[in-house]
Amino acid sequence: MSEAERLDLSAALKDTLVRFDNLWEMSFPYVMVLHQAPTDGDYYSSYHFHIQFHPPLRKPNLLKFLAGPEIGGGNFLSDTSPEDKAAELIAVSNTHFSLK
């Protein structure tokens, strides 16, 4: 990544994480997964770098328990749409609640 790309990524991460905290006005726990192409020296044109967030809570103080397919497959499942969750994050402030 170029310097400008690293700065843009860090700004996007900060904005997202502040909005996560602002959803429930608490420090929002999450698992952040970084996906990249294999690093064995071959070229993988079908791969792209991306980041996923997996929150372990369904709502404040309600832990999301992993079901069998999640544990067996190593994937988090969500019963919500990404579009709905994105709209929820967009609707909250990007100024951290503790600074208000």
PDB file of N, CA and C in Angstrom:
ATOM      1  N   MET A   1       0.841  -1.186   0.000  1.00  0.00           N
ATOM      2  CA  MET A   1       0.000   0.000   0.000  1.00  0.00           C
ATOM      3  C   MET A   1       0.883   1.245   0.000  1.00  0.00           C
ATOM      4  N   SER A   2       0.404   2.236  -0.676  1.00  0.00           N
ATOM      5  CA  SER A   2       1.109   3.521  -0.640  1.00  0.00           C
ATOM      6  C   SER A   2       0.828   4.204   0.696  1.00  0.00           C
ATOM      7  N   GLU A   3       1.585   5.243   0.984  1.00  0.00           N
ATOM      8  CA  GLU A   3       1.368   6.021   2.217  1.00  0.00           C
ATOM      9  C   GLU A   3      -0.056   6.575   2.260  1.00  0.00           C
ATOM     10  N   ALA A   4      -0.533   7.102   1.135  1.00  0.00           N
ATOM     11  CA  ALA A   4      -1.897   7.654   1.075  1.00  0.00           C
ATOM     12  C   ALA A   4      -2.933   6.564   1.325  1.00  0.00           C
ATOM     13  N   GLU A   5      -2.718   5.376   0.770  1.00  0.00           N
ATOM     14  CA  GLU A   5      -3.658   4.266   0.988  1.00  0.00           C
ATOM     15  C   GLU A   5      -3.658   3.829   2.446  1.00  0.00           C
ATOM     16  N   ARG A   6      -2.484   3.786   3.074  1.00  0.00           N
ATOM     17  CA  ARG A   6      -2.421   3.425   4.499  1.00  0.00           C
ATOM     18  C   ARG A   6      -3.149   4.453   5.359  1.00  0.00           C
ATOM     19  N   LEU A   7      -2.989   5.724   5.035  1.00  0.00           N
ATOM     20  CA  LEU A   7      -3.693   6.775   5.785  1.00  0.00           C
ATOM     21  C   LEU A   7      -5.199   6.674   5.589  1.00  0.00           C
ATOM     22  N   ASP A   8      -5.632   6.415   4.362  1.00  0.00           N
ATOM     23  CA  ASP A   8      -7.069   6.252   4.094  1.00  0.00           C
ATOM     24  C   ASP A   8      -7.631   5.049   4.841  1.00  0.00           C
ATOM     25  N   LEU A   9      -6.892   3.942   4.852  1.00  0.00           N
ATOM     26  CA  LEU A   9      -7.348   2.744   5.562  1.00  0.00           C
ATOM     27  C   LEU A   9      -7.443   3.022   7.057  1.00  0.00           C
ATOM     28  N   SER A  10      -6.448   3.680   7.618  1.00  0.00           N
ATOM     29  CA  SER A  10      -6.491   3.958   9.061  1.00  0.00           C
ATOM     30  C   SER A  10      -7.651   4.891   9.405  1.00  0.00           C
ATOM     31  N   ALA A  11      -7.950   5.860   8.541  1.00  0.00           N
ATOM     32  CA  ALA A  11      -9.090   6.758   8.785  1.00  0.00           C
ATOM     33  C   ALA A  11     -10.402   5.985   8.709  1.00  0.00           C
ATOM     34  N   ALA A  12     -10.524   5.087   7.748  1.00  0.00           N
ATOM     35  CA  ALA A  12     -11.745   4.287   7.613  1.00  0.00           C
ATOM     36  C   ALA A  12     -11.922   3.356   8.808  1.00  0.00           C
ATOM     37  N   LEU A  13     -10.829   2.754   9.272  1.00  0.00           N
ATOM     38  CA  LEU A  13     -10.910   1.884  10.447  1.00  0.00           C
ATOM     39  C   LEU A  13     -11.317   2.674  11.685  1.00  0.00           C
ATOM     40  N   LYS A  14     -10.704   3.828  11.889  1.00  0.00           N
ATOM     41  CA  LYS A  14     -11.060   4.647  13.057  1.00  0.00           C
ATOM     42  C   LYS A  14     -12.532   5.039  13.008  1.00  0.00           C
ATOM     43  N   ASP A  15     -13.001   5.490  11.859  1.00  0.00           N
ATOM     44  CA  ASP A  15     -14.398   5.898  11.710  1.00  0.00           C
ATOM     45  C   ASP A  15     -15.336   4.729  12.022  1.00  0.00           C
ATOM     46  N   THR A  16     -15.031   3.562  11.494  1.00  0.00           N
ATOM     47  CA  THR A  16     -15.868   2.375  11.717  1.00  0.00           C
ATOM     48  C   THR A  16     -15.883   1.984  13.189  1.00  0.00           C
ATOM     49  N   LEU A  17     -14.715   1.956  13.814  1.00  0.00           N
ATOM     50  CA  LEU A  17     -14.638   1.510  15.212  1.00  0.00           C
ATOM     51  C   LEU A  17     -15.289   2.501  16.165  1.00  0.00           C
ATOM     52  N   VAL A  18     -15.190   3.788  15.888  1.00  0.00           N
ATOM     53  CA  VAL A  18     -15.892   4.787  16.700  1.00  0.00           C
ATOM     54  C   VAL A  18     -17.402   4.576  16.567  1.00  0.00           C
ATOM     55  N   ARG A  19     -17.862   4.330  15.361  1.00  0.00           N
ATOM     56  CA  ARG A  19     -19.299   4.102  15.152  1.00  0.00           C
ATOM     57  C   ARG A  19     -19.761   2.826  15.866  1.00  0.00           C
ATOM     58  N   PHE A  20     -18.921   1.781  15.867  1.00  0.00           N
ATOM     59  CA  PHE A  20     -19.267   0.577  16.637  1.00  0.00           C
ATOM     60  C   PHE A  20     -19.463   0.940  18.107  1.00  0.00           C
ATOM     61  N   ASP A  21     -18.522   1.669  18.699  1.00  0.00           N
ATOM     62  CA  ASP A  21     -18.653   2.074  20.106  1.00  0.00           C
ATOM     63  C   ASP A  21     -19.916   2.903  20.318  1.00  0.00           C
ATOM     64  N   ASN A  22     -20.242   3.767  19.364  1.00  0.00           N
ATOM     65  CA  ASN A  22     -21.404   4.647  19.512  1.00  0.00           C
ATOM     66  C   ASN A  22     -22.738   3.923  19.384  1.00  0.00           C
ATOM     67  N   LEU A  23     -22.755   2.744  18.769  1.00  0.00           N
ATOM     68  CA  LEU A  23     -24.026   2.009  18.633  1.00  0.00           C
ATOM     69  C   LEU A  23     -24.704   1.815  19.982  1.00  0.00           C
ATOM     70  N   TRP A  24     -23.933   1.344  20.961  1.00  0.00           N
ATOM     71  CA  TRP A  24     -24.497   1.035  22.271  1.00  0.00           C
ATOM     72  C   TRP A  24     -23.838   1.844  23.378  1.00  0.00           C
ATOM     73  N   GLU A  25     -23.067   2.863  22.991  1.00  0.00           N
ATOM     74  CA  GLU A  25     -22.348   3.705  23.942  1.00  0.00           C
ATOM     75  C   GLU A  25     -21.556   2.877  24.947  1.00  0.00           C
ATOM     76  N   MET A  26     -20.741   1.996  24.397  1.00  0.00           N
ATOM     77  CA  MET A  26     -19.859   1.151  25.195  1.00  0.00           C
ATOM     78  C   MET A  26     -18.667   0.760  24.324  1.00  0.00           C
ATOM     79  N   SER A  27     -17.606   0.325  24.957  1.00  0.00           N
ATOM     80  CA  SER A  27     -16.473  -0.189  24.205  1.00  0.00           C
ATOM     81  C   SER A  27     -16.928  -1.476  23.527  1.00  0.00           C
ATOM     82  N   PHE A  28     -16.958  -1.462  22.206  1.00  0.00           N
ATOM     83  CA  PHE A  28     -17.568  -2.527  21.413  1.00  0.00           C
ATOM     84  C   PHE A  28     -16.539  -3.632  21.146  1.00  0.00           C
ATOM     85  N   PRO A  29     -16.771  -4.838  21.682  1.00  0.00           N
ATOM     86  CA  PRO A  29     -15.825  -5.923  21.410  1.00  0.00           C
ATOM     87  C   PRO A  29     -16.015  -6.453  19.990  1.00  0.00           C
ATOM     88  N   TYR A  30     -14.948  -6.880  19.385  1.00  0.00           N
ATOM     89  CA  TYR A  30     -15.033  -7.420  18.030  1.00  0.00           C
ATOM     90  C   TYR A  30     -13.817  -8.286  17.736  1.00  0.00           C
ATOM     91  N   VAL A  31     -13.970  -9.136  16.748  1.00  0.00           N
ATOM     92  CA  VAL A  31     -12.852  -9.861  16.160  1.00  0.00           C
ATOM     93  C   VAL A  31     -12.654  -9.243  14.781  1.00  0.00           C
ATOM     94  N   MET A  32     -11.455  -8.731  14.507  1.00  0.00           N
ATOM     95  CA  MET A  32     -11.158  -8.132  13.206  1.00  0.00           C
ATOM     96  C   MET A  32     -10.293  -9.113  12.431  1.00  0.00           C
ATOM     97  N   VAL A  33     -10.787  -9.523  11.262  1.00  0.00           N
ATOM     98  CA  VAL A  33     -10.090 -10.511  10.441  1.00  0.00           C
ATOM     99  C   VAL A  33      -9.561  -9.821   9.190  1.00  0.00           C
ATOM    100  N   LEU A  34      -8.271 -10.006   8.927  1.00  0.00           N
ATOM    101  CA  LEU A  34      -7.646  -9.464   7.729  1.00  0.00           C
ATOM    102  C   LEU A  34      -7.458 -10.607   6.731  1.00  0.00           C
ATOM    103  N   HIS A  35      -8.002 -10.439   5.544  1.00  0.00           N
ATOM    104  CA  HIS A  35      -7.877 -11.456   4.497  1.00  0.00           C
ATOM    105  C   HIS A  35      -6.953 -10.932   3.408  1.00  0.00           C
ATOM    106  N   GLN A  36      -6.007 -11.742   3.005  1.00  0.00           N
ATOM    107  CA  GLN A  36      -5.078 -11.353   1.952  1.00  0.00           C
ATOM    108  C   GLN A  36      -4.799 -12.564   1.070  1.00  0.00           C
ATOM    109  N   ALA A  37      -4.153 -12.331  -0.032  1.00  0.00           N
ATOM    110  CA  ALA A  37      -3.743 -13.413  -0.922  1.00  0.00           C
ATOM    111  C   ALA A  37      -2.655 -14.238  -0.235  1.00  0.00           C
ATOM    112  N   PRO A  38      -2.520 -15.491  -0.621  1.00  0.00           N
ATOM    113  CA  PRO A  38      -1.411 -16.294  -0.084  1.00  0.00           C
ATOM    114  C   PRO A  38      -0.065 -15.608  -0.355  1.00  0.00           C
ATOM    115  N   THR A  39       0.896 -15.898   0.485  1.00  0.00           N
ATOM    116  CA  THR A  39       2.198 -15.235   0.378  1.00  0.00           C
ATOM    117  C   THR A  39       3.297 -16.202  -0.042  1.00  0.00           C
ATOM    118  N   ASP A  40       2.932 -17.181  -0.870  1.00  0.00           N
ATOM    119  CA  ASP A  40       3.923 -18.176  -1.294  1.00  0.00           C
ATOM    120  C   ASP A  40       4.696 -17.780  -2.550  1.00  0.00           C
ATOM    121  N   GLY A  41       4.507 -16.542  -3.009  1.00  0.00           N
ATOM    122  CA  GLY A  41       5.246 -16.064  -4.159  1.00  0.00           C
ATOM    123  C   GLY A  41       4.515 -16.192  -5.483  1.00  0.00           C
ATOM    124  N   ASP A  42       3.458 -16.986  -5.540  1.00  0.00           N
ATOM    125  CA  ASP A  42       2.660 -17.097  -6.761  1.00  0.00           C
ATOM    126  C   ASP A  42       1.730 -15.899  -6.890  1.00  0.00           C
ATOM    127  N   TYR A  43       1.205 -15.715  -8.085  1.00  0.00           N
ATOM    128  CA  TYR A  43       0.282 -14.615  -8.348  1.00  0.00           C
ATOM    129  C   TYR A  43      -1.147 -15.127  -8.222  1.00  0.00           C
ATOM    130  N   TYR A  44      -1.958 -14.454  -7.426  1.00  0.00           N
ATOM    131  CA  TYR A  44      -3.343 -14.840  -7.188  1.00  0.00           C
ATOM    132  C   TYR A  44      -4.250 -13.669  -7.567  1.00  0.00           C
ATOM    133  N   SER A  45      -4.597 -13.588  -8.824  1.00  0.00           N
ATOM    134  CA  SER A  45      -5.373 -12.442  -9.306  1.00  0.00           C
ATOM    135  C   SER A  45      -6.801 -12.433  -8.767  1.00  0.00           C
ATOM    136  N   SER A  46      -7.308 -13.575  -8.335  1.00  0.00           N
ATOM    137  CA  SER A  46      -8.690 -13.619  -7.849  1.00  0.00           C
ATOM    138  C   SER A  46      -8.812 -13.194  -6.385  1.00  0.00           C
ATOM    139  N   TYR A  47      -7.716 -13.043  -5.701  1.00  0.00           N
ATOM    140  CA  TYR A  47      -7.749 -12.631  -4.298  1.00  0.00           C
ATOM    141  C   TYR A  47      -7.738 -11.112  -4.191  1.00  0.00           C
ATOM    142  N   HIS A  48      -8.368 -10.618  -3.147  1.00  0.00           N
ATOM    143  CA  HIS A  48      -8.272  -9.201  -2.836  1.00  0.00           C
ATOM    144  C   HIS A  48      -8.222  -9.041  -1.315  1.00  0.00           C
ATOM    145  N   PHE A  49      -7.506  -8.048  -0.883  1.00  0.00           N
ATOM    146  CA  PHE A  49      -7.404  -7.753   0.539  1.00  0.00           C
ATOM    147  C   PHE A  49      -8.738  -7.204   1.030  1.00  0.00           C
ATOM    148  N   HIS A  50      -9.230  -7.719   2.145  1.00  0.00           N
ATOM    149  CA  HIS A  50     -10.414  -7.141   2.764  1.00  0.00           C
ATOM    150  C   HIS A  50     -10.409  -7.439   4.258  1.00  0.00           C
ATOM    151  N   ILE A  51     -11.213  -6.663   4.972  1.00  0.00           N
ATOM    152  CA  ILE A  51     -11.295  -6.762   6.429  1.00  0.00           C
ATOM    153  C   ILE A  51     -12.729  -7.097   6.805  1.00  0.00           C
ATOM    154  N   GLN A  52     -12.873  -8.005   7.767  1.00  0.00           N
ATOM    155  CA  GLN A  52     -14.194  -8.344   8.301  1.00  0.00           C
ATOM    156  C   GLN A  52     -14.185  -8.109   9.807  1.00  0.00           C
ATOM    157  N   PHE A  53     -15.317  -7.665  10.319  1.00  0.00           N
ATOM    158  CA  PHE A  53     -15.509  -7.519  11.764  1.00  0.00           C
ATOM    159  C   PHE A  53     -16.576  -8.508  12.199  1.00  0.00           C
ATOM    160  N   HIS A  54     -16.273  -9.248  13.262  1.00  0.00           N
ATOM    161  CA  HIS A  54     -17.219 -10.200  13.818  1.00  0.00           C
ATOM    162  C   HIS A  54     -17.477  -9.829  15.280  1.00  0.00           C
ATOM    163  N   PRO A  55     -18.600  -9.175  15.566  1.00  0.00           N
ATOM    164  CA  PRO A  55     -18.889  -8.821  16.962  1.00  0.00           C
ATOM    165  C   PRO A  55     -19.419 -10.036  17.733  1.00  0.00           C
ATOM    166  N   PRO A  56     -18.910 -10.285  18.934  1.00  0.00           N
ATOM    167  CA  PRO A  56     -19.390 -11.427  19.711  1.00  0.00           C
ATOM    168  C   PRO A  56     -20.673 -11.141  20.492  1.00  0.00           C
ATOM    169  N   LEU A  57     -21.237  -9.944  20.348  1.00  0.00           N
ATOM    170  CA  LEU A  57     -22.476  -9.607  21.050  1.00  0.00           C
ATOM    171  C   LEU A  57     -23.621  -9.430  20.056  1.00  0.00           C
ATOM    172  N   ARG A  58     -24.813  -9.893  20.445  1.00  0.00           N
ATOM    173  CA  ARG A  58     -26.012  -9.641  19.643  1.00  0.00           C
ATOM    174  C   ARG A  58     -26.588  -8.258  19.957  1.00  0.00           C
ATOM    175  N   LYS A  59     -26.493  -7.879  21.230  1.00  0.00           N
ATOM    176  CA  LYS A  59     -26.883  -6.558  21.718  1.00  0.00           C
ATOM    177  C   LYS A  59     -26.150  -6.374  23.031  1.00  0.00           C
ATOM    178  N   PRO A  60     -26.198  -5.200  23.639  1.00  0.00           N
ATOM    179  CA  PRO A  60     -25.427  -5.009  24.879  1.00  0.00           C
ATOM    180  C   PRO A  60     -25.701  -6.117  25.894  1.00  0.00           C
ATOM    181  N   ASN A  61     -24.634  -6.679  26.402  1.00  0.00           N
ATOM    182  CA  ASN A  61     -24.692  -7.713  27.445  1.00  0.00           C
ATOM    183  C   ASN A  61     -25.360  -9.003  27.003  1.00  0.00           C
ATOM    184  N   LEU A  62     -25.511  -9.240  25.691  1.00  0.00           N
ATOM    185  CA  LEU A  62     -26.055 -10.507  25.196  1.00  0.00           C
ATOM    186  C   LEU A  62     -25.045 -11.124  24.235  1.00  0.00           C
ATOM    187  N   LEU A  63     -24.345 -12.147  24.747  1.00  0.00           N
ATOM    188  CA  LEU A  63     -23.305 -12.812  23.982  1.00  0.00           C
ATOM    189  C   LEU A  63     -23.913 -13.628  22.844  1.00  0.00           C
ATOM    190  N   LYS A  64     -23.264 -13.600  21.692  1.00  0.00           N
ATOM    191  CA  LYS A  64     -23.666 -14.431  20.564  1.00  0.00           C
ATOM    192  C   LYS A  64     -22.934 -15.760  20.710  1.00  0.00           C
ATOM    193  N   PHE A  65     -23.689 -16.831  20.896  1.00  0.00           N
ATOM    194  CA  PHE A  65     -23.081 -18.145  21.000  1.00  0.00           C
ATOM    195  C   PHE A  65     -22.919 -18.720  19.603  1.00  0.00           C
ATOM    196  N   LEU A  66     -21.775 -19.319  19.356  1.00  0.00           N
ATOM    197  CA  LEU A  66     -21.525 -19.930  18.060  1.00  0.00           C
ATOM    198  C   LEU A  66     -22.275 -21.252  17.961  1.00  0.00           C
ATOM    199  N   ALA A  67     -22.926 -21.463  16.847  1.00  0.00           N
ATOM    200  CA  ALA A  67     -23.646 -22.706  16.594  1.00  0.00           C
ATOM    201  C   ALA A  67     -22.701 -23.720  15.940  1.00  0.00           C
ATOM    202  N   GLY A  68     -23.171 -24.943  15.798  1.00  0.00           N
ATOM    203  CA  GLY A  68     -22.363 -26.019  15.217  1.00  0.00           C
ATOM    204  C   GLY A  68     -21.742 -25.684  13.877  1.00  0.00           C
ATOM    205  N   PRO A  69     -22.542 -25.163  12.905  1.00  0.00           N
ATOM    206  CA  PRO A  69     -21.939 -24.835  11.601  1.00  0.00           C
ATOM    207  C   PRO A  69     -20.846 -23.772  11.703  1.00  0.00           C
ATOM    208  N   GLU A  70     -20.992 -22.852  12.647  1.00  0.00           N
ATOM    209  CA  GLU A  70     -19.986 -21.806  12.814  1.00  0.00           C
ATOM    210  C   GLU A  70     -18.696 -22.388  13.380  1.00  0.00           C
ATOM    211  N   ILE A  71     -18.844 -23.234  14.387  1.00  0.00           N
ATOM    212  CA  ILE A  71     -17.670 -23.838  15.004  1.00  0.00           C
ATOM    213  C   ILE A  71     -16.993 -24.788  14.018  1.00  0.00           C
ATOM    214  N   GLY A  72     -17.790 -25.643  13.364  1.00  0.00           N
ATOM    215  CA  GLY A  72     -17.242 -26.625  12.431  1.00  0.00           C
ATOM    216  C   GLY A  72     -16.644 -26.001  11.190  1.00  0.00           C
ATOM    217  N   GLY A  73     -17.281 -24.934  10.700  1.00  0.00           N
ATOM    218  CA  GLY A  73     -16.812 -24.308   9.473  1.00  0.00           C
ATOM    219  C   GLY A  73     -15.855 -23.168   9.683  1.00  0.00           C
ATOM    220  N   GLY A  74     -15.700 -22.736  10.934  1.00  0.00           N
ATOM    221  CA  GLY A  74     -14.797 -21.638  11.215  1.00  0.00           C
ATOM    222  C   GLY A  74     -15.290 -20.299  10.705  1.00  0.00           C
ATOM    223  N   ASN A  75     -16.610 -20.143  10.571  1.00  0.00           N
ATOM    224  CA  ASN A  75     -17.188 -18.902  10.061  1.00  0.00           C
ATOM    225  C   ASN A  75     -18.262 -18.398  10.995  1.00  0.00           C
ATOM    226  N   PHE A  76     -18.368 -17.084  11.120  1.00  0.00           N
ATOM    227  CA  PHE A  76     -19.465 -16.472  11.848  1.00  0.00           C
ATOM    228  C   PHE A  76     -20.663 -16.391  10.913  1.00  0.00           C
ATOM    229  N   LEU A  77     -21.835 -16.695  11.408  1.00  0.00           N
ATOM    230  CA  LEU A  77     -23.063 -16.546  10.638  1.00  0.00           C
ATOM    231  C   LEU A  77     -23.852 -15.382  11.216  1.00  0.00           C
ATOM    232  N   SER A  78     -24.547 -14.670  10.360  1.00  0.00           N
ATOM    233  CA  SER A  78     -25.339 -13.525  10.812  1.00  0.00           C
ATOM    234  C   SER A  78     -26.744 -13.641  10.252  1.00  0.00           C
ATOM    235  N   ASP A  79     -27.730 -13.358  11.087  1.00  0.00           N
ATOM    236  CA  ASP A  79     -29.123 -13.395  10.641  1.00  0.00           C
ATOM    237  C   ASP A  79     -29.598 -12.008  10.215  1.00  0.00           C
ATOM    238  N   THR A  80     -28.649 -11.109   9.951  1.00  0.00           N
ATOM    239  CA  THR A  80     -28.976  -9.760   9.501  1.00  0.00           C
ATOM    240  C   THR A  80     -28.295  -9.506   8.165  1.00  0.00           C
ATOM    241  N   SER A  81     -28.805  -8.530   7.438  1.00  0.00           N
ATOM    242  CA  SER A  81     -28.186  -8.234   6.144  1.00  0.00           C
ATOM    243  C   SER A  81     -27.072  -7.200   6.328  1.00  0.00           C
ATOM    244  N   PRO A  82     -26.023  -7.289   5.526  1.00  0.00           N
ATOM    245  CA  PRO A  82     -24.954  -6.291   5.603  1.00  0.00           C
ATOM    246  C   PRO A  82     -25.474  -4.877   5.343  1.00  0.00           C
ATOM    247  N   GLU A  83     -26.452  -4.752   4.454  1.00  0.00           N
ATOM    248  CA  GLU A  83     -27.009  -3.435   4.141  1.00  0.00           C
ATOM    249  C   GLU A  83     -27.696  -2.815   5.355  1.00  0.00           C
ATOM    250  N   ASP A  84     -28.439  -3.628   6.109  1.00  0.00           N
ATOM    251  CA  ASP A  84     -29.099  -3.124   7.320  1.00  0.00           C
ATOM    252  C   ASP A  84     -28.074  -2.692   8.370  1.00  0.00           C
ATOM    253  N   LYS A  85     -27.046  -3.488   8.545  1.00  0.00           N
ATOM    254  CA  LYS A  85     -26.018  -3.162   9.538  1.00  0.00           C
ATOM    255  C   LYS A  85     -25.221  -1.935   9.115  1.00  0.00           C
ATOM    256  N   ALA A  86     -24.943  -1.807   7.816  1.00  0.00           N
ATOM    257  CA  ALA A  86     -24.242  -0.616   7.323  1.00  0.00           C
ATOM    258  C   ALA A  86     -25.083   0.630   7.575  1.00  0.00           C
ATOM    259  N   ALA A  87     -26.379   0.540   7.330  1.00  0.00           N
ATOM    260  CA  ALA A  87     -27.273   1.683   7.562  1.00  0.00           C
ATOM    261  C   ALA A  87     -27.273   2.059   9.043  1.00  0.00           C
ATOM    262  N   GLU A  88     -27.223   1.062   9.919  1.00  0.00           N
ATOM    263  CA  GLU A  88     -27.170   1.318  11.360  1.00  0.00           C
ATOM    264  C   GLU A  88     -25.898   2.088  11.725  1.00  0.00           C
ATOM    265  N   LEU A  89     -24.761   1.671  11.168  1.00  0.00           N
ATOM    266  CA  LEU A  89     -23.500   2.354  11.467  1.00  0.00           C
ATOM    267  C   LEU A  89     -23.480   3.769  10.897  1.00  0.00           C
ATOM    268  N   ILE A  90     -23.998   3.924   9.690  1.00  0.00           N
ATOM    269  CA  ILE A  90     -24.027   5.249   9.056  1.00  0.00           C
ATOM    270  C   ILE A  90     -24.879   6.220   9.875  1.00  0.00           C
ATOM    271  N   ALA A  91     -25.910   5.705  10.533  1.00  0.00           N
ATOM    272  CA  ALA A  91     -26.851   6.553  11.273  1.00  0.00           C
ATOM    273  C   ALA A  91     -26.271   7.101  12.579  1.00  0.00           C
ATOM    274  N   VAL A  92     -25.201   6.476  13.100  1.00  0.00           N
ATOM    275  CA  VAL A  92     -24.631   6.974  14.351  1.00  0.00           C
ATOM    276  C   VAL A  92     -23.477   7.930  14.059  1.00  0.00           C
ATOM    277  N   SER A  93     -23.174   8.753  15.021  1.00  0.00           N
ATOM    278  CA  SER A  93     -22.135   9.773  14.883  1.00  0.00           C
ATOM    279  C   SER A  93     -20.754   9.141  14.742  1.00  0.00           C
ATOM    280  N   ASN A  94     -19.859   9.857  14.086  1.00  0.00           N
ATOM    281  CA  ASN A  94     -18.460   9.399  14.035  1.00  0.00           C
ATOM    282  C   ASN A  94     -17.600  10.164  15.051  1.00  0.00           C
ATOM    283  N   THR A  95     -18.257  10.875  15.975  1.00  0.00           N
ATOM    284  CA  THR A  95     -17.572  11.470  17.128  1.00  0.00           C
ATOM    285  C   THR A  95     -17.838  10.567  18.317  1.00  0.00           C
ATOM    286  N   HIS A  96     -16.789  10.074  18.937  1.00  0.00           N
ATOM    287  CA  HIS A  96     -16.939   9.083  20.006  1.00  0.00           C
ATOM    288  C   HIS A  96     -17.824   9.613  21.118  1.00  0.00           C
ATOM    289  N   PHE A  97     -18.732   8.760  21.609  1.00  0.00           N
ATOM    290  CA  PHE A  97     -19.701   9.173  22.625  1.00  0.00           C
ATOM    291  C   PHE A  97     -19.026   9.703  23.873  1.00  0.00           C
ATOM    292  N   SER A  98     -17.844   9.230  24.210  1.00  0.00           N
ATOM    293  CA  SER A  98     -17.165   9.691  25.426  1.00  0.00           C
ATOM    294  C   SER A  98     -16.634  11.125  25.290  1.00  0.00           C
ATOM    295  N   LEU A  99     -16.597  11.659  24.068  1.00  0.00           N
ATOM    296  CA  LEU A  99     -16.089  13.016  23.859  1.00  0.00           C
ATOM    297  C   LEU A  99     -17.189  14.049  23.793  1.00  0.00           C
ATOM    298  N   LYS A 100     -18.435  13.634  23.902  1.00  0.00           N
ATOM    299  CA  LYS A 100     -19.552  14.571  23.782  1.00  0.00           C
ATOM    300  C   LYS A 100     -19.800  15.293  25.076  1.00  0.00           C
TER     301      LYS A 100
END
